[in-house]
Amino acid sequence: MERMIIFCMLFFCSSMALTAAPHRTAKYRQIYKTITRLEDIVKNQDVELLHTPENLVDGCLSTAVTCFQKGILKLEPKNSEVNSRFNKKIRVLKSFTYRDGGKQCEPACESYEKKSPKEFLKSFAKLINKVIRVDSSWGLFDI
């Protein structure tokens, strides 16, 4: 009887672990889609250039996500017609959280090169792609 209980508990725990990773990956893919859709409705001319993290090391991805989230607050909609869609997408991206072991890495956000909003979003999309690849292989991340 004890073996049966242990087997059932082991089976249950392993099945939960296997379903968690695809769920996170689906959420990361949704974040990626949100970023790519935002590229079409963001104002790209006569705006402030944004510090854009690039060439990131796996252990420092959470620091880069934080930098991108700070930059997102400075984005503006292309025009008033897209304002409500823009605001919804910004809310989704602001609520995105990411952990990769809690390691804070240098350099600070301000040390990265400044780029246009569309280039900023393309780099953010690249980062999320990297997160998806790492999450699929390790299962270490949470949203």
C-alpha atoms as a PDB file:
ATOM      1  CA  MET A   1       0.000   0.000   0.000  1.00  0.00           C
ATOM      2  CA  GLU A   2       2.844   2.386   0.838  1.00  0.00           C
ATOM      3  CA  ARG A   3       4.470   1.746  -2.537  1.00  0.00           C
ATOM      4  CA  MET A   4       1.213   2.581  -4.293  1.00  0.00           C
ATOM      5  CA  ILE A   5       0.875   5.882  -2.416  1.00  0.00           C
ATOM      6  CA  ILE A   6       4.492   6.798  -3.124  1.00  0.00           C
ATOM      7  CA  PHE A   7       4.045   5.905  -6.799  1.00  0.00           C
ATOM      8  CA  CYS A   8       0.893   8.035  -7.050  1.00  0.00           C
ATOM      9  CA  MET A   9       2.610  10.996  -5.382  1.00  0.00           C
ATOM     10  CA  LEU A  10       5.637  10.671  -7.664  1.00  0.00           C
ATOM     11  CA  PHE A  11       3.422  10.427 -10.746  1.00  0.00           C
ATOM     12  CA  PHE A  12       1.386  13.471  -9.688  1.00  0.00           C
ATOM     13  CA  CYS A  13       4.485  15.603  -8.979  1.00  0.00           C
ATOM     14  CA  SER A  14       6.169  14.685 -12.252  1.00  0.00           C
ATOM     15  CA  SER A  15       3.046  15.407 -14.277  1.00  0.00           C
ATOM     16  CA  MET A  16       2.727  18.835 -12.636  1.00  0.00           C
ATOM     17  CA  ALA A  17       6.348  19.652 -13.460  1.00  0.00           C
ATOM     18  CA  LEU A  18       5.869  18.673 -17.084  1.00  0.00           C
ATOM     19  CA  THR A  19       2.784  20.852 -17.524  1.00  0.00           C
ATOM     20  CA  ALA A  20       4.320  23.943 -15.874  1.00  0.00           C
ATOM     21  CA  ALA A  21       7.027  24.525 -18.491  1.00  0.00           C
ATOM     22  CA  PRO A  22       4.677  24.557 -21.530  1.00  0.00           C
ATOM     23  CA  HIS A  23       2.358  26.966 -19.673  1.00  0.00           C
ATOM     24  CA  ARG A  24       5.230  29.399 -19.002  1.00  0.00           C
ATOM     25  CA  THR A  25       6.467  29.068 -22.561  1.00  0.00           C
ATOM     26  CA  ALA A  26       2.982  29.912 -23.851  1.00  0.00           C
ATOM     27  CA  LYS A  27       2.954  33.029 -21.664  1.00  0.00           C
ATOM     28  CA  TYR A  28       6.376  34.073 -22.950  1.00  0.00           C
ATOM     29  CA  ARG A  29       5.162  33.590 -26.520  1.00  0.00           C
ATOM     30  CA  GLN A  30       2.193  35.836 -25.730  1.00  0.00           C
ATOM     31  CA  ILE A  31       4.597  38.487 -24.412  1.00  0.00           C
ATOM     32  CA  TYR A  32       6.591  38.145 -27.651  1.00  0.00           C
ATOM     33  CA  LYS A  33       3.428  38.665 -29.741  1.00  0.00           C
ATOM     34  CA  THR A  34       2.511  41.697 -27.653  1.00  0.00           C
ATOM     35  CA  ILE A  35       5.927  43.244 -28.318  1.00  0.00           C
ATOM     36  CA  THR A  36       5.764  42.618 -32.065  1.00  0.00           C
ATOM     37  CA  ARG A  37       2.247  44.084 -32.265  1.00  0.00           C
ATOM     38  CA  LEU A  38       3.384  47.111 -30.289  1.00  0.00           C
ATOM     39  CA  GLU A  39       6.071  47.821 -32.912  1.00  0.00           C
ATOM     40  CA  ASP A  40       3.359  48.810 -35.397  1.00  0.00           C
ATOM     41  CA  ILE A  41       1.609  51.295 -33.128  1.00  0.00           C
ATOM     42  CA  VAL A  42       4.514  52.949 -31.326  1.00  0.00           C
ATOM     43  CA  LYS A  43       5.673  56.435 -32.221  1.00  0.00           C
ATOM     44  CA  ASN A  44       9.161  56.216 -33.694  1.00  0.00           C
ATOM     45  CA  GLN A  45       9.981  59.769 -34.790  1.00  0.00           C
ATOM     46  CA  ASP A  46      10.600  62.838 -32.646  1.00  0.00           C
ATOM     47  CA  VAL A  47      10.768  60.738 -29.487  1.00  0.00           C
ATOM     48  CA  GLU A  48      13.289  60.033 -26.781  1.00  0.00           C
ATOM     49  CA  LEU A  49      15.835  57.347 -27.624  1.00  0.00           C
ATOM     50  CA  LEU A  50      15.847  54.430 -25.180  1.00  0.00           C
ATOM     51  CA  HIS A  51      18.658  52.516 -23.486  1.00  0.00           C
ATOM     52  CA  THR A  52      18.601  49.130 -25.229  1.00  0.00           C
ATOM     53  CA  PRO A  53      20.264  46.081 -23.640  1.00  0.00           C
ATOM     54  CA  GLU A  54      21.913  43.773 -26.188  1.00  0.00           C
ATOM     55  CA  ASN A  55      24.309  40.790 -26.264  1.00  0.00           C
ATOM     56  CA  LEU A  56      23.026  39.465 -22.967  1.00  0.00           C
ATOM     57  CA  VAL A  57      24.466  36.700 -20.821  1.00  0.00           C
ATOM     58  CA  ASP A  58      22.010  33.995 -19.658  1.00  0.00           C
ATOM     59  CA  GLY A  59      22.487  34.760 -15.948  1.00  0.00           C
ATOM     60  CA  CYS A  60      21.740  38.456 -16.447  1.00  0.00           C
ATOM     61  CA  LEU A  61      18.457  38.289 -18.326  1.00  0.00           C
ATOM     62  CA  SER A  62      16.346  39.526 -15.398  1.00  0.00           C
ATOM     63  CA  THR A  63      18.413  42.722 -15.212  1.00  0.00           C
ATOM     64  CA  ALA A  64      17.829  43.280 -18.928  1.00  0.00           C
ATOM     65  CA  VAL A  65      14.071  42.682 -18.528  1.00  0.00           C
ATOM     66  CA  THR A  66      14.049  45.357 -15.816  1.00  0.00           C
ATOM     67  CA  CYS A  67      15.814  47.782 -18.175  1.00  0.00           C
ATOM     68  CA  PHE A  68      13.292  47.078 -20.905  1.00  0.00           C
ATOM     69  CA  GLN A  69      10.400  47.611 -18.511  1.00  0.00           C
ATOM     70  CA  LYS A  70      11.800  51.022 -17.552  1.00  0.00           C
ATOM     71  CA  GLY A  71      12.070  51.903 -21.239  1.00  0.00           C
ATOM     72  CA  ILE A  72       8.524  50.775 -21.990  1.00  0.00           C
ATOM     73  CA  LEU A  73       7.234  53.533 -19.724  1.00  0.00           C
ATOM     74  CA  LYS A  74       8.764  56.090 -22.110  1.00  0.00           C
ATOM     75  CA  LEU A  75       7.076  54.756 -25.259  1.00  0.00           C
ATOM     76  CA  GLU A  76       4.302  56.766 -26.903  1.00  0.00           C
ATOM     77  CA  PRO A  77       1.462  55.709 -29.219  1.00  0.00           C
ATOM     78  CA  LYS A  78       1.794  56.574 -32.912  1.00  0.00           C
ATOM     79  CA  ASN A  79      -1.502  58.496 -32.854  1.00  0.00           C
ATOM     80  CA  SER A  80      -4.708  58.862 -30.850  1.00  0.00           C
ATOM     81  CA  GLU A  81      -6.491  56.174 -32.902  1.00  0.00           C
ATOM     82  CA  VAL A  82      -4.211  53.439 -31.506  1.00  0.00           C
ATOM     83  CA  ASN A  83      -4.070  54.812 -27.964  1.00  0.00           C
ATOM     84  CA  SER A  84      -6.337  52.191 -26.335  1.00  0.00           C
ATOM     85  CA  ARG A  85      -4.553  49.245 -28.034  1.00  0.00           C
ATOM     86  CA  PHE A  86      -1.207  50.798 -27.082  1.00  0.00           C
ATOM     87  CA  ASN A  87      -2.221  51.144 -23.417  1.00  0.00           C
ATOM     88  CA  LYS A  88      -3.419  47.516 -23.228  1.00  0.00           C
ATOM     89  CA  LYS A  89      -0.138  46.223 -24.629  1.00  0.00           C
ATOM     90  CA  ILE A  90       1.908  48.419 -22.297  1.00  0.00           C
ATOM     91  CA  ARG A  91      -0.056  47.075 -19.294  1.00  0.00           C
ATOM     92  CA  VAL A  92       0.704  43.498 -20.344  1.00  0.00           C
ATOM     93  CA  LEU A  93       4.420  44.237 -20.701  1.00  0.00           C
ATOM     94  CA  LYS A  94       4.624  46.121 -17.401  1.00  0.00           C
ATOM     95  CA  SER A  95       3.150  43.149 -15.546  1.00  0.00           C
ATOM     96  CA  PHE A  96       5.682  40.719 -17.018  1.00  0.00           C
ATOM     97  CA  THR A  97       8.055  39.340 -14.373  1.00  0.00           C
ATOM     98  CA  TYR A  98      11.111  37.218 -14.865  1.00  0.00           C
ATOM     99  CA  ARG A  99      13.620  35.526 -12.568  1.00  0.00           C
ATOM    100  CA  ASP A 100      16.891  33.876 -13.459  1.00  0.00           C
ATOM    101  CA  GLY A 101      18.426  33.141 -10.108  1.00  0.00           C
ATOM    102  CA  GLY A 102      18.212  36.633  -8.665  1.00  0.00           C
ATOM    103  CA  LYS A 103      21.682  37.591  -9.878  1.00  0.00           C
ATOM    104  CA  GLN A 104      21.938  41.313 -10.566  1.00  0.00           C
ATOM    105  CA  CYS A 105      24.424  42.101 -13.275  1.00  0.00           C
ATOM    106  CA  GLU A 106      26.310  45.129 -14.285  1.00  0.00           C
ATOM    107  CA  PRO A 107      26.126  47.278 -16.353  1.00  0.00           C
ATOM    108  CA  ALA A 108      23.336  49.625 -15.376  1.00  0.00           C
ATOM    109  CA  CYS A 109      20.553  50.361 -17.854  1.00  0.00           C
ATOM    110  CA  GLU A 110      22.020  53.774 -18.587  1.00  0.00           C
ATOM    111  CA  SER A 111      25.252  52.219 -19.866  1.00  0.00           C
ATOM    112  CA  TYR A 112      23.509  50.625 -22.865  1.00  0.00           C
ATOM    113  CA  GLU A 113      23.381  52.378 -26.223  1.00  0.00           C
ATOM    114  CA  LYS A 114      20.281  54.468 -26.907  1.00  0.00           C
ATOM    115  CA  LYS A 115      18.123  53.401 -29.830  1.00  0.00           C
ATOM    116  CA  SER A 116      14.801  54.275 -31.437  1.00  0.00           C
ATOM    117  CA  PRO A 117      11.616  52.803 -29.964  1.00  0.00           C
ATOM    118  CA  LYS A 118      11.231  50.262 -32.805  1.00  0.00           C
ATOM    119  CA  GLU A 119      14.844  49.071 -32.417  1.00  0.00           C
ATOM    120  CA  PHE A 120      14.268  48.947 -28.655  1.00  0.00           C
ATOM    121  CA  LEU A 121      11.219  46.707 -29.148  1.00  0.00           C
ATOM    122  CA  LYS A 122      13.070  44.461 -31.612  1.00  0.00           C
ATOM    123  CA  SER A 123      15.801  43.935 -29.011  1.00  0.00           C
ATOM    124  CA  PHE A 124      13.163  43.224 -26.361  1.00  0.00           C
ATOM    125  CA  ALA A 125      11.611  40.619 -28.685  1.00  0.00           C
ATOM    126  CA  LYS A 126      15.057  39.010 -29.125  1.00  0.00           C
ATOM    127  CA  LEU A 127      15.405  38.841 -25.344  1.00  0.00           C
ATOM    128  CA  ILE A 128      12.013  37.131 -24.993  1.00  0.00           C
ATOM    129  CA  ASN A 129      13.029  34.628 -27.689  1.00  0.00           C
ATOM    130  CA  LYS A 130      16.108  33.857 -25.626  1.00  0.00           C
ATOM    131  CA  VAL A 131      13.938  33.461 -22.522  1.00  0.00           C
ATOM    132  CA  ILE A 132      11.693  31.022 -24.416  1.00  0.00           C
ATOM    133  CA  ARG A 133      14.706  28.955 -25.502  1.00  0.00           C
ATOM    134  CA  VAL A 134      16.190  28.885 -21.995  1.00  0.00           C
ATOM    135  CA  ASP A 135      12.808  28.154 -20.381  1.00  0.00           C
ATOM    136  CA  SER A 136      12.178  25.276 -22.749  1.00  0.00           C
ATOM    137  CA  SER A 137      15.505  23.703 -21.897  1.00  0.00           C
ATOM    138  CA  TRP A 138      15.704  24.374 -18.136  1.00  0.00           C
ATOM    139  CA  GLY A 139      12.277  25.294 -16.796  1.00  0.00           C
ATOM    140  CA  LEU A 140      13.765  27.864 -14.391  1.00  0.00           C
ATOM    141  CA  PHE A 141      11.572  30.853 -15.080  1.00  0.00           C
ATOM    142  CA  ASP A 142       8.306  32.181 -13.837  1.00  0.00           C
ATOM    143  CA  ILE A 143       5.853  34.772 -15.017  1.00  0.00           C
END
